[in-house]
PDB file of N, CA and C in Angstrom:
ATOM      1  N   MET A   1     108.083  96.203 120.255  1.00  0.00           N
ATOM      2  CA  MET A   1     108.339  97.750 120.265  1.00  0.00           C
ATOM      3  C   MET A   1     107.771  98.442 118.946  1.00  0.00           C
ATOM      4  N   LEU A   2     107.189  99.768 119.280  1.00  0.00           N
ATOM      5  CA  LEU A   2     106.126 100.364 118.376  1.00  0.00           C
ATOM      6  C   LEU A   2     107.465 101.400 117.394  1.00  0.00           C
ATOM      7  N   LYS A   3     107.125 101.485 116.528  1.00  0.00           N
ATOM      8  CA  LYS A   3     107.888 102.059 115.342  1.00  0.00           C
ATOM      9  C   LYS A   3     107.018 103.114 114.750  1.00  0.00           C
ATOM     10  N   ILE A   4     107.301 104.554 114.498  1.00  0.00           N
ATOM     11  CA  ILE A   4     106.036 105.543 113.144  1.00  0.00           C
ATOM     12  C   ILE A   4     107.376 106.162 112.794  1.00  0.00           C
ATOM     13  N   THR A   5     107.347 105.522 111.175  1.00  0.00           N
ATOM     14  CA  THR A   5     108.498 105.898 110.150  1.00  0.00           C
ATOM     15  C   THR A   5     107.556 107.542 109.764  1.00  0.00           C
ATOM     16  N   TYR A   6     108.171 108.063 109.598  1.00  0.00           N
ATOM     17  CA  TYR A   6     107.466 109.650 109.274  1.00  0.00           C
ATOM     18  C   TYR A   6     108.381 110.287 108.295  1.00  0.00           C
ATOM     19  N   THR A   7     107.447 110.538 107.006  1.00  0.00           N
ATOM     20  CA  THR A   7     108.062 110.716 105.430  1.00  0.00           C
ATOM     21  C   THR A   7     107.462 112.510 105.467  1.00  0.00           C
ATOM     22  N   ASN A   8     107.637 112.617 104.313  1.00  0.00           N
ATOM     23  CA  ASN A   8     107.183 114.156 103.864  1.00  0.00           C
ATOM     24  C   ASN A   8     105.970 114.341 103.393  1.00  0.00           C
ATOM     25  N   THR A   9     105.217 112.814 103.349  1.00  0.00           N
ATOM     26  CA  THR A   9     103.613 112.575 102.784  1.00  0.00           C
ATOM     27  C   THR A   9     103.072 111.842 103.969  1.00  0.00           C
ATOM     28  N   GLY A  10     103.693 112.124 105.107  1.00  0.00           N
ATOM     29  CA  GLY A  10     102.775 111.322 106.537  1.00  0.00           C
ATOM     30  C   GLY A  10     103.332 110.425 106.919  1.00  0.00           C
ATOM     31  N   PHE A  11     102.758 109.660 107.948  1.00  0.00           N
ATOM     32  CA  PHE A  11     103.176 108.750 109.006  1.00  0.00           C
ATOM     33  C   PHE A  11     102.663 107.112 109.342  1.00  0.00           C
ATOM     34  N   TYR A  12     103.704 106.304 109.287  1.00  0.00           N
ATOM     35  CA  TYR A  12     102.797 105.111 109.433  1.00  0.00           C
ATOM     36  C   TYR A  12     103.502 103.850 110.795  1.00  0.00           C
ATOM     37  N   LEU A  13     102.595 103.579 111.346  1.00  0.00           N
ATOM     38  CA  LEU A  13     102.882 102.935 112.756  1.00  0.00           C
ATOM     39  C   LEU A  13     103.120 101.299 112.437  1.00  0.00           C
ATOM     40  N   GLU A  14     103.867 100.646 113.097  1.00  0.00           N
ATOM     41  CA  GLU A  14     104.469  99.320 113.036  1.00  0.00           C
ATOM     42  C   GLU A  14     104.436  98.834 114.429  1.00  0.00           C
ATOM     43  N   HIS A  15     104.188  97.536 114.773  1.00  0.00           N
ATOM     44  CA  HIS A  15     104.591  97.057 115.750  1.00  0.00           C
ATOM     45  C   HIS A  15     105.268  95.878 115.212  1.00  0.00           C
ATOM     46  N   LEU A  16     106.439  95.790 116.331  1.00  0.00           N
ATOM     47  CA  LEU A  16     107.916  95.244 116.231  1.00  0.00           C
ATOM     48  C   LEU A  16     107.779  93.976 117.113  1.00  0.00           C
ATOM     49  N   PRO A  17     108.372  92.875 117.010  1.00  0.00           N
ATOM     50  CA  PRO A  17     108.312  91.969 117.568  1.00  0.00           C
ATOM     51  C   PRO A  17     109.570  91.581 118.500  1.00  0.00           C
ATOM     52  N   GLU A  18     110.813  92.529 117.947  1.00  0.00           N
ATOM     53  CA  GLU A  18     112.073  92.737 118.228  1.00  0.00           C
ATOM     54  C   GLU A  18     112.242  93.775 119.386  1.00  0.00           C
ATOM     55  N   SER A  19     113.383  93.782 120.600  1.00  0.00           N
ATOM     56  CA  SER A  19     113.569  94.756 121.406  1.00  0.00           C
ATOM     57  C   SER A  19     113.908  96.142 120.779  1.00  0.00           C
ATOM     58  N   LEU A  20     113.883  97.286 121.296  1.00  0.00           N
ATOM     59  CA  LEU A  20     114.271  98.327 121.094  1.00  0.00           C
ATOM     60  C   LEU A  20     115.843  98.353 120.910  1.00  0.00           C
ATOM     61  N   GLU A  21     116.637  98.203 122.030  1.00  0.00           N
ATOM     62  CA  GLU A  21     117.732  98.026 122.169  1.00  0.00           C
ATOM     63  C   GLU A  21     118.858  96.862 120.648  1.00  0.00           C
ATOM     64  N   ASN A  22     117.729  95.662 120.642  1.00  0.00           N
ATOM     65  CA  ASN A  22     118.706  95.011 119.196  1.00  0.00           C
ATOM     66  C   ASN A  22     118.395  95.818 118.126  1.00  0.00           C
ATOM     67  N   TRP A  23     116.962  96.453 117.805  1.00  0.00           N
ATOM     68  CA  TRP A  23     116.691  97.322 116.358  1.00  0.00           C
ATOM     69  C   TRP A  23     117.680  98.168 116.455  1.00  0.00           C
ATOM     70  N   LEU A  24     117.766  99.117 117.289  1.00  0.00           N
ATOM     71  CA  LEU A  24     118.570 100.121 117.281  1.00  0.00           C
ATOM     72  C   LEU A  24     120.140  99.953 117.277  1.00  0.00           C
ATOM     73  N   VAL A  25     120.694  98.671 118.012  1.00  0.00           N
ATOM     74  CA  VAL A  25     121.986  98.561 117.245  1.00  0.00           C
ATOM     75  C   VAL A  25     122.190  98.187 115.839  1.00  0.00           C
ATOM     76  N   GLU A  26     121.329  97.252 115.227  1.00  0.00           N
ATOM     77  CA  GLU A  26     121.237  97.414 113.832  1.00  0.00           C
ATOM     78  C   GLU A  26     120.876  98.036 112.824  1.00  0.00           C
ATOM     79  N   ARG A  27     120.525  99.498 113.161  1.00  0.00           N
ATOM     80  CA  ARG A  27     119.788 100.350 112.578  1.00  0.00           C
ATOM     81  C   ARG A  27     121.732 101.683 112.406  1.00  0.00           C
ATOM     82  N   VAL A  28     122.386 101.396 114.007  1.00  0.00           N
ATOM     83  CA  VAL A  28     123.260 101.980 114.020  1.00  0.00           C
ATOM     84  C   VAL A  28     124.538 101.547 112.829  1.00  0.00           C
ATOM     85  N   LEU A  29     124.619 100.078 113.263  1.00  0.00           N
ATOM     86  CA  LEU A  29     125.469  99.332 112.590  1.00  0.00           C
ATOM     87  C   LEU A  29     125.612  99.211 111.281  1.00  0.00           C
ATOM     88  N   LEU A  30     124.101  99.551 110.685  1.00  0.00           N
ATOM     89  CA  LEU A  30     123.765  99.631 109.386  1.00  0.00           C
ATOM     90  C   LEU A  30     124.134 101.086 108.575  1.00  0.00           C
ATOM     91  N   CYS A  31     124.269 102.357 109.585  1.00  0.00           N
ATOM     92  CA  CYS A  31     124.543 103.712 109.002  1.00  0.00           C
ATOM     93  C   CYS A  31     126.137 103.444 108.869  1.00  0.00           C
ATOM     94  N   LEU A  32     126.893 102.759 109.878  1.00  0.00           N
ATOM     95  CA  LEU A  32     128.220 102.867 110.219  1.00  0.00           C
ATOM     96  C   LEU A  32     128.652 102.319 109.003  1.00  0.00           C
ATOM     97  N   ARG A  33     128.257 101.282 108.604  1.00  0.00           N
ATOM     98  CA  ARG A  33     128.736 100.137 107.396  1.00  0.00           C
ATOM     99  C   ARG A  33     128.556 101.477 105.899  1.00  0.00           C
ATOM    100  N   ALA A  34     127.401 102.437 106.200  1.00  0.00           N
ATOM    101  CA  ALA A  34     126.808 102.813 104.920  1.00  0.00           C
ATOM    102  C   ALA A  34     127.746 104.210 105.087  1.00  0.00           C
ATOM    103  N   SER A  35     128.499 104.566 105.779  1.00  0.00           N
ATOM    104  CA  SER A  35     128.969 106.091 106.047  1.00  0.00           C
ATOM    105  C   SER A  35     127.777 107.001 105.857  1.00  0.00           C
ATOM    106  N   THR A  36     126.712 106.985 106.462  1.00  0.00           N
ATOM    107  CA  THR A  36     125.625 107.486 106.521  1.00  0.00           C
ATOM    108  C   THR A  36     125.742 108.100 108.120  1.00  0.00           C
ATOM    109  N   SER A  37     125.190 109.489 108.053  1.00  0.00           N
ATOM    110  CA  SER A  37     125.014 110.456 109.411  1.00  0.00           C
ATOM    111  C   SER A  37     123.870 109.454 110.387  1.00  0.00           C
ATOM    112  N   ILE A  38     123.901 109.604 111.409  1.00  0.00           N
ATOM    113  CA  ILE A  38     122.676 109.041 112.607  1.00  0.00           C
ATOM    114  C   ILE A  38     122.653 109.874 113.427  1.00  0.00           C
ATOM    115  N   TYR A  39     121.135 110.655 113.645  1.00  0.00           N
ATOM    116  CA  TYR A  39     121.259 111.287 114.878  1.00  0.00           C
ATOM    117  C   TYR A  39     120.083 110.550 115.469  1.00  0.00           C
ATOM    118  N   ILE A  40     120.235 110.504 117.163  1.00  0.00           N
ATOM    119  CA  ILE A  40     119.296 109.580 118.091  1.00  0.00           C
ATOM    120  C   ILE A  40     119.069 110.642 119.597  1.00  0.00           C
ATOM    121  N   GLU A  41     117.775 110.977 119.343  1.00  0.00           N
ATOM    122  CA  GLU A  41     117.675 111.696 120.608  1.00  0.00           C
ATOM    123  C   GLU A  41     116.291 111.211 121.331  1.00  0.00           C
ATOM    124  N   PRO A  42     115.968 111.725 122.399  1.00  0.00           N
ATOM    125  CA  PRO A  42     114.942 111.616 123.025  1.00  0.00           C
ATOM    126  C   PRO A  42     113.727 112.108 122.963  1.00  0.00           C
ATOM    127  N   SER A  43     112.659 111.713 122.647  1.00  0.00           N
ATOM    128  CA  SER A  43     111.689 112.749 121.996  1.00  0.00           C
ATOM    129  C   SER A  43     110.136 112.327 122.338  1.00  0.00           C
ATOM    130  N   THR A  44     109.169 113.069 121.704  1.00  0.00           N
ATOM    131  CA  THR A  44     107.709 112.550 121.891  1.00  0.00           C
ATOM    132  C   THR A  44     106.944 112.792 120.416  1.00  0.00           C
ATOM    133  N   ALA A  45     106.228 111.605 120.499  1.00  0.00           N
ATOM    134  CA  ALA A  45     105.440 111.669 118.953  1.00  0.00           C
ATOM    135  C   ALA A  45     103.834 112.332 119.411  1.00  0.00           C
ATOM    136  N   SER A  46     103.301 112.554 118.634  1.00  0.00           N
ATOM    137  CA  SER A  46     101.472 113.283 118.620  1.00  0.00           C
ATOM    138  C   SER A  46     101.136 112.791 117.417  1.00  0.00           C
ATOM    139  N   VAL A  47     100.014 112.308 117.772  1.00  0.00           N
ATOM    140  CA  VAL A  47      99.059 112.379 116.945  1.00  0.00           C
ATOM    141  C   VAL A  47      97.792 112.219 117.168  1.00  0.00           C
ATOM    142  N   LEU A  48      97.180 112.798 116.098  1.00  0.00           N
ATOM    143  CA  LEU A  48      95.333 113.549 116.320  1.00  0.00           C
ATOM    144  C   LEU A  48      94.650 112.525 115.785  1.00  0.00           C
ATOM    145  N   LEU A  49      93.830 111.868 116.876  1.00  0.00           N
ATOM    146  CA  LEU A  49      92.668 110.705 116.698  1.00  0.00           C
ATOM    147  C   LEU A  49      91.425 110.940 117.005  1.00  0.00           C
ATOM    148  N   PRO A  50      90.586 110.290 116.044  1.00  0.00           N
ATOM    149  CA  PRO A  50      89.133 110.479 116.563  1.00  0.00           C
ATOM    150  C   PRO A  50      88.876 110.164 117.740  1.00  0.00           C
ATOM    151  N   GLY A  51      88.212 110.753 118.769  1.00  0.00           N
ATOM    152  CA  GLY A  51      87.983 110.498 119.942  1.00  0.00           C
ATOM    153  C   GLY A  51      86.650 109.261 120.176  1.00  0.00           C
ATOM    154  N   ASP A  52      85.964 108.750 119.013  1.00  0.00           N
ATOM    155  CA  ASP A  52      85.038 107.903 119.224  1.00  0.00           C
ATOM    156  C   ASP A  52      85.591 106.191 118.659  1.00  0.00           C
ATOM    157  N   LEU A  53      87.037 106.220 119.096  1.00  0.00           N
ATOM    158  CA  LEU A  53      87.248 105.346 118.221  1.00  0.00           C
ATOM    159  C   LEU A  53      87.444 103.873 119.001  1.00  0.00           C
ATOM    160  N   PRO A  54      86.989 102.927 119.104  1.00  0.00           N
ATOM    161  CA  PRO A  54      86.637 101.834 119.964  1.00  0.00           C
ATOM    162  C   PRO A  54      87.392 101.254 120.898  1.00  0.00           C
ATOM    163  N   HIS A  55      88.864 101.785 120.737  1.00  0.00           N
ATOM    164  CA  HIS A  55      89.867 100.909 121.403  1.00  0.00           C
ATOM    165  C   HIS A  55      90.581 102.277 122.108  1.00  0.00           C
ATOM    166  N   ILE A  56      89.707 102.898 122.228  1.00  0.00           N
ATOM    167  CA  ILE A  56      90.495 104.672 123.000  1.00  0.00           C
ATOM    168  C   ILE A  56      90.415 104.539 124.480  1.00  0.00           C
ATOM    169  N   GLN A  57      89.472 103.708 125.126  1.00  0.00           N
ATOM    170  CA  GLN A  57      89.695 104.112 126.681  1.00  0.00           C
ATOM    171  C   GLN A  57      90.412 102.651 126.675  1.00  0.00           C
ATOM    172  N   ASN A  58      91.113 101.875 126.349  1.00  0.00           N
ATOM    173  CA  ASN A  58      91.794 100.728 126.607  1.00  0.00           C
ATOM    174  C   ASN A  58      93.570 101.324 126.617  1.00  0.00           C
ATOM    175  N   ILE A  59      93.682 102.563 125.767  1.00  0.00           N
ATOM    176  CA  ILE A  59      94.965 103.430 125.915  1.00  0.00           C
ATOM    177  C   ILE A  59      94.606 104.340 127.263  1.00  0.00           C
ATOM    178  N   ALA A  60      93.889 104.768 127.652  1.00  0.00           N
ATOM    179  CA  ALA A  60      93.573 105.474 128.548  1.00  0.00           C
ATOM    180  C   ALA A  60      93.727 104.783 129.907  1.00  0.00           C
ATOM    181  N   ALA A  61      93.601 103.536 129.879  1.00  0.00           N
ATOM    182  CA  ALA A  61      93.575 102.219 130.871  1.00  0.00           C
ATOM    183  C   ALA A  61      95.085 102.316 131.070  1.00  0.00           C
ATOM    184  N   PHE A  62      96.092 102.635 129.943  1.00  0.00           N
ATOM    185  CA  PHE A  62      97.652 102.615 130.153  1.00  0.00           C
ATOM    186  C   PHE A  62      98.009 103.659 130.589  1.00  0.00           C
ATOM    187  N   LYS A  63      97.760 104.701 130.675  1.00  0.00           N
ATOM    188  CA  LYS A  63      98.018 106.119 131.827  1.00  0.00           C
ATOM    189  C   LYS A  63      98.575 106.071 132.728  1.00  0.00           C
ATOM    190  N   ASP A  64      98.016 105.145 133.988  1.00  0.00           N
ATOM    191  CA  ASP A  64      98.530 105.575 135.320  1.00  0.00           C
ATOM    192  C   ASP A  64      99.783 104.243 135.190  1.00  0.00           C
ATOM    193  N   GLU A  65     100.097 102.895 134.639  1.00  0.00           N
ATOM    194  CA  GLU A  65     101.026 102.257 134.152  1.00  0.00           C
ATOM    195  C   GLU A  65     102.296 102.988 133.529  1.00  0.00           C
ATOM    196  N   TYR A  66     101.952 103.847 132.376  1.00  0.00           N
ATOM    197  CA  TYR A  66     102.640 104.255 131.558  1.00  0.00           C
ATOM    198  C   TYR A  66     102.932 105.569 131.791  1.00  0.00           C
ATOM    199  N   GLU A  67     102.850 106.099 133.045  1.00  0.00           N
ATOM    200  CA  GLU A  67     102.804 107.769 133.592  1.00  0.00           C
ATOM    201  C   GLU A  67     104.130 108.489 132.445  1.00  0.00           C
ATOM    202  N   GLY A  68     104.111 109.242 131.978  1.00  0.00           N
ATOM    203  CA  GLY A  68     105.165 110.319 131.428  1.00  0.00           C
ATOM    204  C   GLY A  68     105.535 109.337 129.846  1.00  0.00           C
ATOM    205  N   ILE A  69     105.113 108.650 129.787  1.00  0.00           N
ATOM    206  CA  ILE A  69     105.668 107.762 128.682  1.00  0.00           C
ATOM    207  C   ILE A  69     104.111 108.259 127.448  1.00  0.00           C
ATOM    208  N   ILE A  70     102.825 107.580 128.290  1.00  0.00           N
ATOM    209  CA  ILE A  70     101.929 107.691 127.206  1.00  0.00           C
ATOM    210  C   ILE A  70     100.720 108.813 127.760  1.00  0.00           C
ATOM    211  N   GLU A  71     100.241 110.016 127.146  1.00  0.00           N
ATOM    212  CA  GLU A  71      99.513 110.734 127.420  1.00  0.00           C
ATOM    213  C   GLU A  71      98.273 110.711 125.827  1.00  0.00           C
ATOM    214  N   LEU A  72      97.339 110.943 126.673  1.00  0.00           N
ATOM    215  CA  LEU A  72      95.906 110.645 125.634  1.00  0.00           C
ATOM    216  C   LEU A  72      95.101 112.147 126.465  1.00  0.00           C
ATOM    217  N   ASP A  73      94.963 113.158 125.423  1.00  0.00           N
ATOM    218  CA  ASP A  73      94.210 114.289 126.063  1.00  0.00           C
ATOM    219  C   ASP A  73      93.150 114.883 125.142  1.00  0.00           C
ATOM    220  N   PRO A  74      91.859 115.400 125.271  1.00  0.00           N
ATOM    221  CA  PRO A  74      90.998 115.891 124.524  1.00  0.00           C
ATOM    222  C   PRO A  74      91.634 116.819 124.220  1.00  0.00           C
ATOM    223  N   CYS A  75      90.680 116.973 122.748  1.00  0.00           N
ATOM    224  CA  CYS A  75      91.603 118.173 122.143  1.00  0.00           C
ATOM    225  C   CYS A  75      90.143 119.075 121.801  1.00  0.00           C
ATOM    226  N   ASP A  76      89.369 118.660 121.230  1.00  0.00           N
ATOM    227  CA  ASP A  76      88.048 118.989 121.074  1.00  0.00           C
ATOM    228  C   ASP A  76      86.671 118.207 121.300  1.00  0.00           C
ATOM    229  N   GLU A  77      85.874 118.431 120.723  1.00  0.00           N
ATOM    230  CA  GLU A  77      84.302 117.076 121.002  1.00  0.00           C
ATOM    231  C   GLU A  77      84.464 116.013 120.033  1.00  0.00           C
ATOM    232  N   GLU A  78      85.188 116.007 118.881  1.00  0.00           N
ATOM    233  CA  GLU A  78      85.579 115.176 118.060  1.00  0.00           C
ATOM    234  C   GLU A  78      87.215 114.438 118.225  1.00  0.00           C
ATOM    235  N   SER A  79      87.917 114.751 118.621  1.00  0.00           N
ATOM    236  CA  SER A  79      89.381 114.356 118.581  1.00  0.00           C
ATOM    237  C   SER A  79      90.548 114.377 119.921  1.00  0.00           C
ATOM    238  N   VAL A  80      91.050 113.441 119.843  1.00  0.00           N
ATOM    239  CA  VAL A  80      91.996 112.965 121.156  1.00  0.00           C
ATOM    240  C   VAL A  80      93.408 113.550 120.462  1.00  0.00           C
ATOM    241  N   GLU A  81      94.418 114.093 121.286  1.00  0.00           N
ATOM    242  CA  GLU A  81      96.014 113.919 120.809  1.00  0.00           C
ATOM    243  C   GLU A  81      96.559 112.740 122.001  1.00  0.00           C
ATOM    244  N   PHE A  82      96.927 111.945 121.071  1.00  0.00           N
ATOM    245  CA  PHE A  82      97.891 110.468 121.989  1.00  0.00           C
ATOM    246  C   PHE A  82      99.629 111.210 121.718  1.00  0.00           C
ATOM    247  N   ARG A  83     100.300 111.012 122.475  1.00  0.00           N
ATOM    248  CA  ARG A  83     101.554 111.633 122.679  1.00  0.00           C
ATOM    249  C   ARG A  83     102.158 110.136 123.258  1.00  0.00           C
ATOM    250  N   LEU A  84     103.710 109.864 122.799  1.00  0.00           N
ATOM    251  CA  LEU A  84     103.985 108.990 123.210  1.00  0.00           C
ATOM    252  C   LEU A  84     105.683 108.986 123.565  1.00  0.00           C
ATOM    253  N   ARG A  85     106.064 108.782 124.696  1.00  0.00           N
ATOM    254  CA  ARG A  85     107.714 109.619 124.341  1.00  0.00           C
ATOM    255  C   ARG A  85     108.500 108.357 124.116  1.00  0.00           C
ATOM    256  N   GLY A  86     109.585 108.364 123.629  1.00  0.00           N
ATOM    257  CA  GLY A  86     110.501 107.490 122.965  1.00  0.00           C
ATOM    258  C   GLY A  86     111.674 108.054 122.293  1.00  0.00           C
ATOM    259  N   THR A  87     112.077 107.288 120.909  1.00  0.00           N
ATOM    260  CA  THR A  87     113.516 107.740 120.438  1.00  0.00           C
ATOM    261  C   THR A  87     113.228 108.510 119.345  1.00  0.00           C
ATOM    262  N   TRP A  88     113.746 109.506 118.808  1.00  0.00           N
ATOM    263  CA  TRP A  88     113.811 109.692 117.245  1.00  0.00           C
ATOM    264  C   TRP A  88     115.532 109.819 116.729  1.00  0.00           C
ATOM    265  N   ILE A  89     115.342 108.763 115.548  1.00  0.00           N
ATOM    266  CA  ILE A  89     116.010 108.624 114.732  1.00  0.00           C
ATOM    267  C   ILE A  89     115.951 109.316 113.184  1.00  0.00           C
ATOM    268  N   THR A  90     116.962 109.893 112.804  1.00  0.00           N
ATOM    269  CA  THR A  90     117.053 110.526 111.741  1.00  0.00           C
ATOM    270  C   THR A  90     118.545 110.368 111.375  1.00  0.00           C
ATOM    271  N   THR A  91     118.678 110.882 110.162  1.00  0.00           N
ATOM    272  CA  THR A  91     120.154 110.965 108.923  1.00  0.00           C
ATOM    273  C   THR A  91     120.758 112.145 109.406  1.00  0.00           C
ATOM    274  N   LYS A  92     119.693 112.920 109.212  1.00  0.00           N
ATOM    275  CA  LYS A  92     119.554 114.632 109.038  1.00  0.00           C
ATOM    276  C   LYS A  92     119.640 115.285 110.595  1.00  0.00           C
ATOM    277  N   GLU A  93     120.416 116.143 110.813  1.00  0.00           N
ATOM    278  CA  GLU A  93     119.924 116.585 112.323  1.00  0.00           C
ATOM    279  C   GLU A  93     118.765 117.861 111.933  1.00  0.00           C
ATOM    280  N   ASN A  94     117.712 117.628 112.633  1.00  0.00           N
ATOM    281  CA  ASN A  94     116.338 118.584 112.954  1.00  0.00           C
ATOM    282  C   ASN A  94     115.609 117.996 111.461  1.00  0.00           C
ATOM    283  N   SER A  95     116.054 117.175 111.003  1.00  0.00           N
ATOM    284  CA  SER A  95     115.016 116.904 109.763  1.00  0.00           C
ATOM    285  C   SER A  95     113.369 116.567 110.179  1.00  0.00           C
ATOM    286  N   GLU A  96     112.595 116.457 109.413  1.00  0.00           N
ATOM    287  CA  GLU A  96     111.246 116.206 109.858  1.00  0.00           C
ATOM    288  C   GLU A  96     110.761 114.906 109.371  1.00  0.00           C
ATOM    289  N   SER A  97     111.600 114.038 108.499  1.00  0.00           N
ATOM    290  CA  SER A  97     111.330 112.908 108.359  1.00  0.00           C
ATOM    291  C   SER A  97     112.474 111.631 108.889  1.00  0.00           C
ATOM    292  N   GLY A  98     111.847 110.973 109.538  1.00  0.00           N
ATOM    293  CA  GLY A  98     112.525 109.817 110.308  1.00  0.00           C
ATOM    294  C   GLY A  98     112.017 108.630 110.932  1.00  0.00           C
ATOM    295  N   ILE A  99     112.246 108.245 111.892  1.00  0.00           N
ATOM    296  CA  ILE A  99     112.038 107.066 112.521  1.00  0.00           C
ATOM    297  C   ILE A  99     111.997 107.357 114.170  1.00  0.00           C
ATOM    298  N   PHE A 100     110.910 107.150 114.855  1.00  0.00           N
ATOM    299  CA  PHE A 100     110.381 107.609 116.182  1.00  0.00           C
ATOM    300  C   PHE A 100     110.063 106.176 116.419  1.00  0.00           C
ATOM    301  N   VAL A 101     110.506 105.532 117.875  1.00  0.00           N
ATOM    302  CA  VAL A 101     110.420 104.034 118.360  1.00  0.00           C
ATOM    303  C   VAL A 101     110.121 104.228 120.250  1.00  0.00           C
ATOM    304  N   SER A 102     109.621 103.665 120.140  1.00  0.00           N
ATOM    305  CA  SER A 102     109.040 103.608 121.975  1.00  0.00           C
ATOM    306  C   SER A 102     108.984 101.921 121.935  1.00  0.00           C
ATOM    307  N   THR A 103     109.161 101.750 123.633  1.00  0.00           N
ATOM    308  CA  THR A 103     108.804 100.209 123.630  1.00  0.00           C
ATOM    309  C   THR A 103     108.313 100.588 125.239  1.00  0.00           C
ATOM    310  N   LEU A 104     107.418  99.673 125.213  1.00  0.00           N
ATOM    311  CA  LEU A 104     106.165  99.232 126.432  1.00  0.00           C
ATOM    312  C   LEU A 104     105.485  97.888 126.670  1.00  0.00           C
ATOM    313  N   GLY A 105     104.858  97.450 127.127  1.00  0.00           N
ATOM    314  CA  GLY A 105     104.515  96.138 127.686  1.00  0.00           C
ATOM    315  C   GLY A 105     103.959  95.700 126.210  1.00  0.00           C
ATOM    316  N   ASP A 106     103.731  94.426 126.067  1.00  0.00           N
ATOM    317  CA  ASP A 106     103.228  93.721 125.137  1.00  0.00           C
ATOM    318  C   ASP A 106     101.903  94.477 125.003  1.00  0.00           C
ATOM    319  N   GLN A 107     101.137  94.338 125.608  1.00  0.00           N
ATOM    320  CA  GLN A 107      99.700  94.651 125.985  1.00  0.00           C
ATOM    321  C   GLN A 107      99.432  96.308 125.249  1.00  0.00           C
ATOM    322  N   ALA A 108     100.213  97.058 125.890  1.00  0.00           N
ATOM    323  CA  ALA A 108     100.282  98.327 125.701  1.00  0.00           C
ATOM    324  C   ALA A 108     100.333  98.222 124.368  1.00  0.00           C
ATOM    325  N   GLU A 109     101.143  97.796 123.526  1.00  0.00           N
ATOM    326  CA  GLU A 109     101.798  98.224 122.390  1.00  0.00           C
ATOM    327  C   GLU A 109     100.773  97.776 121.440  1.00  0.00           C
ATOM    328  N   THR A 110     100.134  96.446 121.521  1.00  0.00           N
ATOM    329  CA  THR A 110      99.012  95.866 120.611  1.00  0.00           C
ATOM    330  C   THR A 110      97.687  96.706 120.760  1.00  0.00           C
ATOM    331  N   SER A 111      97.214  97.002 121.695  1.00  0.00           N
ATOM    332  CA  SER A 111      96.795  98.255 122.006  1.00  0.00           C
ATOM    333  C   SER A 111      96.536  99.608 121.189  1.00  0.00           C
ATOM    334  N   ILE A 112      97.740  99.834 121.236  1.00  0.00           N
ATOM    335  CA  ILE A 112      97.818 101.305 120.797  1.00  0.00           C
ATOM    336  C   ILE A 112      98.091 100.435 119.092  1.00  0.00           C
ATOM    337  N   TYR A 113      98.923  99.629 118.640  1.00  0.00           N
ATOM    338  CA  TYR A 113      98.425  99.381 117.229  1.00  0.00           C
ATOM    339  C   TYR A 113      96.960  99.237 116.853  1.00  0.00           C
ATOM    340  N   LYS A 114      96.253  98.617 117.708  1.00  0.00           N
ATOM    341  CA  LYS A 114      94.838  98.195 117.431  1.00  0.00           C
ATOM    342  C   LYS A 114      94.337  99.588 116.709  1.00  0.00           C
ATOM    343  N   LEU A 115      94.116 100.607 117.939  1.00  0.00           N
ATOM    344  CA  LEU A 115      94.110 101.821 117.698  1.00  0.00           C
ATOM    345  C   LEU A 115      94.609 102.885 116.773  1.00  0.00           C
ATOM    346  N   TRP A 116      95.638 102.667 116.199  1.00  0.00           N
ATOM    347  CA  TRP A 116      96.176 103.042 115.214  1.00  0.00           C
ATOM    348  C   TRP A 116      95.260 102.547 113.825  1.00  0.00           C
ATOM    349  N   GLN A 117      94.996 100.729 113.906  1.00  0.00           N
ATOM    350  CA  GLN A 117      94.521 100.563 112.765  1.00  0.00           C
ATOM    351  C   GLN A 117      92.635 101.044 112.359  1.00  0.00           C
ATOM    352  N   SER A 118      91.930 100.918 113.756  1.00  0.00           N
ATOM    353  CA  SER A 118      91.052 101.535 114.115  1.00  0.00           C
ATOM    354  C   SER A 118      91.119 102.995 113.154  1.00  0.00           C
ATOM    355  N   ALA A 119      92.082 103.585 113.556  1.00  0.00           N
ATOM    356  CA  ALA A 119      91.860 104.940 112.992  1.00  0.00           C
ATOM    357  C   ALA A 119      91.945 104.972 111.547  1.00  0.00           C
ATOM    358  N   ASN A 120      92.651 104.095 111.064  1.00  0.00           N
ATOM    359  CA  ASN A 120      93.090 104.057 109.364  1.00  0.00           C
ATOM    360  C   ASN A 120      92.177 103.213 108.497  1.00  0.00           C
ATOM    361  N   LEU A 121      91.101 102.867 108.937  1.00  0.00           N
ATOM    362  CA  LEU A 121      90.531 101.691 108.486  1.00  0.00           C
ATOM    363  C   LEU A 121      89.847 102.255 107.426  1.00  0.00           C
ATOM    364  N   GLY A 122      89.951 101.817 105.895  1.00  0.00           N
ATOM    365  CA  GLY A 122      89.683 102.213 105.123  1.00  0.00           C
ATOM    366  C   GLY A 122      90.248 103.605 104.297  1.00  0.00           C
ATOM    367  N   THR A 123      91.502 103.564 104.507  1.00  0.00           N
ATOM    368  CA  THR A 123      92.458 104.930 104.295  1.00  0.00           C
ATOM    369  C   THR A 123      94.044 104.337 104.230  1.00  0.00           C
ATOM    370  N   SER A 124      94.112 105.219 103.422  1.00  0.00           N
ATOM    371  CA  SER A 124      96.190 104.804 103.292  1.00  0.00           C
ATOM    372  C   SER A 124      96.380 105.097 104.272  1.00  0.00           C
ATOM    373  N   LEU A 125      97.813 104.228 104.910  1.00  0.00           N
ATOM    374  CA  LEU A 125      98.326 104.522 106.302  1.00  0.00           C
ATOM    375  C   LEU A 125      99.389 105.602 106.097  1.00  0.00           C
ATOM    376  N   ILE A 126      99.400 105.375 104.536  1.00  0.00           N
ATOM    377  CA  ILE A 126     100.541 106.608 104.349  1.00  0.00           C
ATOM    378  C   ILE A 126     100.027 107.859 104.041  1.00  0.00           C
ATOM    379  N   GLY A 127     100.324 108.970 104.727  1.00  0.00           N
ATOM    380  CA  GLY A 127      99.486 110.345 103.789  1.00  0.00           C
ATOM    381  C   GLY A 127      98.571 110.822 104.543  1.00  0.00           C
ATOM    382  N   GLU A 128      98.233 110.379 105.938  1.00  0.00           N
ATOM    383  CA  GLU A 128      97.512 111.292 106.824  1.00  0.00           C
ATOM    384  C   GLU A 128      97.918 112.549 107.116  1.00  0.00           C
TER     385      GLU A 128
END
């Protein structure tokens, strides 16, 4: 499972071994026990990446297998937009801070995570 945490200062991608269903059940139970609101809806995450990253072609290879879930399009000569369909989870309706989760095959998730690491090599992962 891929998990992107969006904050007021940026976002951070994690590759988690647990299933989306198990993680989501735990999250809902936590909110219920804490008497906290939770909003869950289908959504799309979009990230602008440098086009010359070493793993970018690996992601392009997954576009056919995950049609409608993974999209990768050039923006200009230097960057590409990576889009991923999944689920948006937050505690406030229409919030810009929250968690986006998506599940793909392990090989695709690992490639996306490596792409993220390459894009953030030498920089803080939060504050993009």
